[in-house]
Protein backbone atom coordinates (compact mmCIF):
# COMPACT_ATOMS: atom_id res chain seq x y z
CA UNK A 1 7.34 104.97 139.82
CA UNK A 2 7.34 104.53 143.50
CA UNK A 3 10.56 105.56 145.40
CA UNK A 4 11.88 102.20 146.11
CA UNK A 5 12.00 100.80 142.43
CA UNK A 6 13.55 104.68 141.77
CA UNK A 7 16.55 104.36 144.11
CA UNK A 8 17.53 100.80 142.19
CA UNK A 9 17.49 102.20 138.99
CA UNK A 10 20.13 104.48 140.33
CA UNK A 11 22.22 102.31 141.91
CA UNK A 12 22.05 100.02 139.34
CA UNK A 13 23.09 102.98 136.66
CA UNK A 14 25.63 104.24 139.01
CA UNK A 15 27.25 100.11 139.40
CA UNK A 16 27.22 99.99 135.34
CA UNK A 17 29.02 103.40 135.39
CA UNK A 18 31.90 102.67 137.65
CA UNK A 19 32.11 99.09 136.00
CA UNK A 20 32.47 100.49 132.53
CA UNK A 21 34.97 102.82 133.73
CA UNK A 22 36.67 100.20 135.55
CA UNK A 23 36.97 98.26 131.90
CA UNK A 24 38.01 101.21 129.82
CA UNK A 25 41.39 101.22 132.19
CA UNK A 26 41.63 97.69 132.38
CA UNK A 27 41.61 97.82 128.78
CA UNK A 28 43.98 101.04 128.07
CA UNK A 29 46.42 99.45 130.82
CA UNK A 30 46.56 96.31 128.43
CA UNK A 31 46.84 98.54 125.43
CA UNK A 32 44.78 98.36 122.50
CA UNK A 33 43.17 94.77 120.91
CA UNK A 34 45.55 92.87 119.12
CA UNK A 35 44.03 92.95 115.43
CA UNK A 36 42.40 89.42 114.61
CA UNK A 37 44.56 86.92 112.53
CA UNK A 38 43.77 87.54 108.39
CA UNK A 39 42.30 84.29 107.21
CA UNK A 40 43.60 82.71 103.61
CA UNK A 41 41.34 81.64 101.83
CA UNK A 42 41.88 77.30 101.16
CA UNK A 43 41.16 75.92 97.90
CA UNK A 44 38.06 73.61 97.79
CA UNK A 45 36.81 71.02 95.58
CA UNK A 46 34.08 71.48 93.94
CA UNK A 47 31.85 69.84 96.39
CA UNK A 48 32.67 72.86 98.49
CA UNK A 49 35.10 70.56 101.09
CA UNK A 50 38.68 72.19 101.68
CA UNK A 51 40.99 70.51 98.57
CA UNK A 52 43.72 68.13 100.57
CA UNK A 53 45.06 66.90 97.41
CA UNK A 54 49.07 66.88 96.74
CA UNK A 55 52.13 66.08 98.33
CA UNK A 56 52.73 66.64 101.59
CA UNK A 57 55.89 66.47 104.26
CA UNK A 58 56.41 66.82 107.95
CA UNK A 59 60.33 65.72 108.45
CA UNK A 60 61.12 67.90 111.72
CA UNK A 61 63.61 68.28 114.38
CA UNK A 62 61.04 68.58 117.06
CA UNK A 63 61.46 65.13 119.64
CA UNK A 64 57.98 62.98 119.57
CA UNK A 65 58.25 63.17 123.15
CA UNK A 66 58.84 66.20 125.78
CA UNK A 67 62.38 66.15 126.75
CA UNK A 68 63.05 66.66 130.16
CA UNK A 69 64.72 70.48 129.37
CA UNK A 70 61.49 71.45 128.12
CA UNK A 71 59.47 70.16 131.08
CA UNK A 72 56.54 72.28 131.67
CA UNK A 73 56.83 74.61 128.68
CA UNK A 74 54.55 73.30 125.87
CA UNK A 75 55.71 75.67 123.38
CA UNK A 76 59.48 76.61 122.52
CA UNK A 77 60.59 80.77 121.87
CA UNK A 78 62.10 81.74 118.69
CA UNK A 79 65.32 82.00 120.23
CA UNK A 80 65.14 78.48 121.89
CA UNK A 81 64.02 77.06 118.38
CA UNK A 82 66.90 78.51 116.57
CA UNK A 83 69.14 76.81 119.58
CA UNK A 84 67.82 73.40 118.76
CA UNK A 85 68.08 73.84 114.95
CA UNK A 86 71.94 74.75 115.71
CA UNK A 87 72.58 71.55 117.81
CA UNK A 88 71.21 69.34 115.00
CA UNK A 89 73.58 70.94 112.71
CA UNK A 90 76.74 70.38 114.76
CA UNK A 91 75.50 66.59 115.55
CA UNK A 92 75.01 65.84 111.87
CA UNK A 93 78.58 67.58 111.03
CA UNK A 94 79.97 65.50 113.81
CA UNK A 95 78.40 62.32 112.46
CA UNK A 96 80.10 62.79 109.04
CA UNK A 97 83.45 62.70 110.60
CA UNK A 98 84.43 58.67 111.13
CA UNK A 99 85.41 57.85 114.57
CA UNK A 100 87.04 54.05 115.35
CA UNK A 101 85.03 51.51 116.18
CA UNK A 102 81.72 53.58 115.13
CA UNK A 103 79.90 51.62 112.37
CA UNK A 104 77.51 54.59 112.24
CA UNK A 105 73.81 54.64 111.12
CA UNK A 106 72.53 54.91 107.93
CA UNK A 107 74.67 56.74 105.07
CA UNK A 108 74.34 60.51 105.26
CA UNK A 109 73.60 60.17 101.09
CA UNK A 110 70.40 58.17 102.43
CA UNK A 111 69.16 60.48 105.58
CA UNK A 112 66.82 63.46 104.35
CA UNK A 113 68.68 66.98 106.03
CA UNK A 114 67.81 70.57 106.88
CA UNK A 115 64.72 69.49 108.98
CA UNK A 116 63.84 72.30 111.12
CA UNK A 117 61.37 72.54 114.49
CA UNK A 118 58.11 72.81 113.59
CA UNK A 119 56.32 76.14 112.54
CA UNK A 120 54.42 75.95 116.00
CA UNK A 121 57.33 75.90 117.26
CA UNK A 122 55.73 73.08 119.94
CA UNK A 123 58.82 71.52 121.90
CA UNK A 124 56.94 67.53 121.28
CA UNK A 125 54.79 66.35 118.65
CA UNK A 126 53.01 65.16 121.62
CA UNK A 127 50.63 67.43 123.05
CA UNK A 128 48.26 65.76 125.38
CA UNK A 129 48.81 64.73 127.82
CA UNK A 130 49.75 67.96 128.78
CA UNK A 131 53.27 67.05 129.99
CA UNK A 132 53.90 65.62 126.22
CA UNK A 133 54.78 62.26 128.00
CA UNK A 134 52.82 58.64 126.95
CA UNK A 135 51.19 56.75 129.85
CA UNK A 136 52.90 53.34 128.74
CA UNK A 137 51.51 50.39 131.66
CA UNK A 138 54.18 48.44 133.05
CA UNK A 139 53.30 45.60 130.80
CA UNK A 140 53.88 47.11 127.38
CA UNK A 141 57.04 48.50 128.26
CA UNK A 142 58.21 44.94 129.00
CA UNK A 143 57.11 43.73 125.78
CA UNK A 144 58.61 46.73 123.84
CA UNK A 145 61.92 46.04 125.55
CA UNK A 146 61.17 42.31 124.39
CA UNK A 147 60.25 43.24 120.75
CA UNK A 148 63.44 45.78 120.41
CA UNK A 149 66.15 42.82 121.48
CA UNK A 150 64.59 39.85 119.92
CA UNK A 151 65.88 38.77 116.29
CA UNK A 152 65.67 35.56 116.54
CA UNK A 153 61.98 35.05 115.46
CA UNK A 154 60.10 36.42 112.41
CA UNK A 155 56.93 37.04 114.56
CA UNK A 156 58.94 39.14 116.96
CA UNK A 157 60.64 41.36 114.48
CA UNK A 158 59.45 44.49 113.17
CA UNK A 159 56.77 44.28 110.60
CA UNK A 160 58.78 46.99 108.75
CA UNK A 161 62.01 44.76 108.71
CA UNK A 162 60.17 42.06 106.99
CA UNK A 163 58.74 44.44 104.51
CA UNK A 164 55.08 43.61 105.55
CA UNK A 165 53.79 47.04 107.06
CA UNK A 166 55.68 50.11 108.40
CA UNK A 167 53.22 50.34 110.98
CA UNK A 168 49.55 51.28 112.04
CA UNK A 169 50.77 55.00 112.50
CA UNK A 170 51.62 55.34 109.06
CA UNK A 171 51.44 59.23 109.14
CA UNK A 172 54.48 59.53 111.81
CA UNK A 173 57.56 60.94 110.15
CA UNK A 174 61.16 59.51 110.26
CA UNK A 175 64.67 60.21 109.29
CA UNK A 176 63.64 59.87 105.70
CA UNK A 177 61.01 59.68 102.66
CA UNK A 178 58.71 61.71 105.05
CA UNK A 179 56.87 62.45 101.65
CA UNK A 180 52.61 61.61 101.71
CA UNK A 181 50.39 61.87 98.86
CA UNK A 182 46.23 62.98 99.26
CA UNK A 183 44.05 62.08 96.33
CA UNK A 184 40.41 63.36 97.19
CA UNK A 185 37.23 62.25 95.45
CA UNK A 186 33.61 62.69 96.96
CA UNK A 187 33.03 59.12 98.12
CA UNK A 188 36.97 58.09 99.06
CA UNK A 189 40.34 59.64 99.82
CA UNK A 190 43.60 58.02 99.21
CA UNK A 191 46.26 58.61 101.80
CA UNK A 192 50.09 57.25 100.39
CA UNK A 193 52.71 57.42 102.62
CA UNK A 194 55.91 56.93 100.86
CA UNK A 195 57.49 55.10 103.70
CA UNK A 196 57.13 51.22 102.78
CA UNK A 197 54.90 53.00 100.05
CA UNK A 198 51.37 51.91 101.73
CA UNK A 199 48.29 53.32 100.88
CA UNK A 200 44.97 53.85 102.70
CA UNK A 201 41.37 54.06 100.88
CA UNK A 202 39.21 55.91 103.09
CA UNK A 203 35.32 55.51 102.37
CA UNK A 204 33.45 58.74 102.54
CA UNK A 205 30.27 57.26 102.19
CA UNK A 206 29.21 56.63 105.44
CA UNK A 207 29.61 52.86 105.59
CA UNK A 208 29.92 51.04 109.04
CA UNK A 209 33.48 49.40 110.13
CA UNK A 210 33.72 46.06 108.56
CA UNK A 211 32.76 42.76 110.74
CA UNK A 212 34.94 42.97 114.29
CA UNK A 213 36.01 39.53 113.18
CA UNK A 214 38.08 40.80 109.97
CA UNK A 215 41.52 42.39 111.36
CA UNK A 216 44.05 44.40 108.97
CA UNK A 217 47.83 45.43 109.24
CA UNK A 218 46.58 49.23 108.93
CA UNK A 219 43.38 48.70 110.32
CA UNK A 220 39.82 49.76 108.68
CA UNK A 221 39.12 53.20 108.33
CA UNK A 222 36.50 55.32 107.69
CA UNK A 223 36.30 59.41 107.17
CA UNK A 224 33.94 61.93 107.01
CA UNK A 225 33.75 65.82 107.56
CA UNK A 226 33.53 67.74 110.48
CA UNK A 227 33.17 71.22 109.06
CA UNK A 228 36.07 71.82 106.94
CA UNK A 229 37.87 69.05 108.97
CA UNK A 230 38.86 65.51 107.49
CA UNK A 231 38.41 63.26 110.31
CA UNK A 232 39.65 59.21 109.95
CA UNK A 233 38.41 56.82 112.30
CA UNK A 234 40.38 53.42 112.22
CA UNK A 235 39.13 50.51 113.93
CA UNK A 236 39.65 46.49 113.20
CA UNK A 237 43.68 45.99 113.63
CA UNK A 238 45.47 42.96 114.09
CA UNK A 239 46.59 41.52 117.08
CA UNK A 240 50.61 41.71 117.86
CA UNK A 241 51.26 45.17 115.88
CA UNK A 242 54.09 47.15 116.51
CA UNK A 243 52.47 51.10 117.32
CA UNK A 244 55.35 52.50 115.48
CA UNK A 245 58.65 50.95 113.62
CA UNK A 246 60.95 54.41 113.38
CA UNK A 247 63.53 55.31 115.98
CA UNK A 248 62.04 59.15 115.66
CA UNK A 249 58.67 57.74 117.74
CA UNK A 250 61.29 56.96 120.75
CA UNK A 251 60.02 55.20 123.46
CA UNK A 252 56.83 54.53 120.87
CA UNK A 253 59.06 52.29 119.03
CA UNK A 254 58.14 48.50 119.41
CA UNK A 255 55.37 49.29 121.80
CA UNK A 256 53.02 46.58 120.63
CA UNK A 257 48.75 47.53 119.87
CA UNK A 258 46.21 45.23 120.72
CA UNK A 259 42.16 44.52 118.53
CA UNK A 260 41.43 47.09 120.81
CA UNK A 261 43.09 49.82 119.05
CA UNK A 262 41.37 53.23 117.89
CA UNK A 263 43.23 55.78 115.66
CA UNK A 264 41.55 58.96 115.41
CA UNK A 265 43.13 60.90 112.35
CA UNK A 266 41.91 64.76 111.79
CA UNK A 267 43.55 66.88 108.83
CA UNK A 268 42.89 70.90 109.07
CA UNK A 269 43.95 73.12 105.87
CA UNK A 270 45.04 76.12 107.89
CA UNK A 271 46.31 77.43 104.38
CA UNK A 272 47.43 76.45 101.03
CA UNK A 273 50.65 75.29 102.21
CA UNK A 274 49.78 73.99 105.80
CA UNK A 275 47.98 71.33 106.92
CA UNK A 276 47.73 70.42 110.53
CA UNK A 277 47.76 66.55 111.48
CA UNK A 278 46.28 65.38 114.40
CA UNK A 279 46.49 61.47 115.49
CA UNK A 280 44.87 60.47 118.85
CA UNK A 281 45.97 56.74 119.80
CA UNK A 282 43.68 54.96 122.07
CA UNK A 283 44.35 51.37 123.19
CA UNK A 284 43.45 50.47 126.79
CA UNK A 285 45.27 47.56 127.50
CA UNK A 286 48.90 49.51 126.74
CA UNK A 287 48.54 52.87 127.66
CA UNK A 288 46.57 54.41 130.88
CA UNK A 289 45.35 57.24 129.07
CA UNK A 290 45.25 57.98 125.13
CA UNK A 291 47.58 60.36 123.69
CA UNK A 292 47.05 62.86 120.81
CA UNK A 293 49.96 64.18 118.56
CA UNK A 294 50.24 67.47 116.59
CA UNK A 295 51.99 68.02 113.61
CA UNK A 296 52.01 70.45 110.50
CA UNK A 297 52.64 68.48 106.80
CA UNK A 298 54.20 71.26 104.38
CA UNK A 299 52.97 71.34 101.12
CA UNK A 300 55.84 70.25 98.52
CA UNK A 301 55.08 70.53 94.90
CA UNK A 302 58.10 69.45 94.09
CA UNK A 303 59.22 66.00 96.26
CA UNK A 304 58.56 63.36 94.12
CA UNK A 305 57.51 59.95 95.42
CA UNK A 306 59.18 57.14 93.83
CA UNK A 307 58.37 53.53 94.42
CA UNK A 308 59.80 51.92 98.17
CA UNK A 309 60.91 48.61 97.11
CA UNK A 310 61.69 47.30 100.64
CA UNK A 311 62.54 44.09 99.94
CA UNK A 312 64.47 43.99 96.30
CA UNK A 313 68.12 42.45 97.22
CA UNK A 314 67.57 42.68 100.80
CA UNK A 315 68.95 39.59 102.51
CA UNK A 316 68.67 40.59 106.00
CA UNK A 317 66.01 38.82 107.56
CA UNK A 318 67.30 35.25 106.04
CA UNK A 319 70.69 36.83 107.93
CA UNK A 320 69.51 37.45 110.91
CA UNK A 321 67.32 34.02 111.59
CA UNK A 322 70.55 32.12 109.96
CA UNK A 323 72.85 33.70 112.98
CA UNK A 324 70.16 33.07 115.53
CA UNK A 325 70.61 29.59 114.78
CA UNK A 326 74.01 28.71 114.97
CA UNK A 327 74.33 30.47 118.20
CA UNK A 328 71.39 28.13 119.15
CA UNK A 329 73.66 25.08 117.94
CA UNK A 330 76.85 26.74 119.14
CA UNK A 331 74.83 27.16 122.76
CA UNK A 332 73.96 23.21 122.73
CA UNK A 333 77.76 22.05 122.22
CA UNK A 334 77.65 21.93 118.14
CA UNK A 335 79.99 23.57 115.90
CA UNK A 336 78.06 26.94 114.47
């Protein structure tokens, strides 16, 4: 070994020793390493995939988009989450007290109570964009306002009001009826939503999407496994749908969708009682960028999903339209 090479070895060894000492001191200052989270065994089907079958619920107090008071804060502390739940309880108590001139909303007997902030303590269900806010195009916002205020034509009314379909985003929670049933086979998976009693049959055999000329109210879903995550890819939506019809989705309610709508859903079983649901919505004419919501579903073996008979004995649509025609007649100088 020549002298120059021997010196290089000494220098390298010394540097490594000093670096190792520094790392040891940094680790000591940071405290002992945290123990890895224990992995909970998840149930599996005979073909080895996670068994997602059962009844799940996803009602939550977590707002759809991030409110201003939590700007820049994707997750809440325990104290903040407890405060949100306490305020919700107080609001529910106040709602039950009669107030002059206030016809109120749904009767308390028909609205699910006892909701909590998500177990992940998210400050909003929208987790991407990072600010928890959806980036709408101006023309989409204008159409939303028109949709929410135009009740004189069935074509501009909510498909939920018309008892046709809840919306393409069937797994977004509402104020009640937040039950979902999953039935699973190697060739297909059925996703049943309690609200409006809609079921999607998701082929798992690798077939391509239907011809693009075929359009559907809830799209054309195709499923596959990405490791232990079920991925459902949906295209072929009709033009002019409402992407969401429930008030719990905030600014998303009443927003139109186009035939370019593309939904990607991911279902990941975290433990036997928790199913993490992620939904990415992409519709370039409506949003300047896609957005993703994340919400944990909880298994509830005691929850019973009954038939949702939407229009049985309900004359609301007829009354809406008759009222609109009466207003038009009166405006034209005739008697209503």
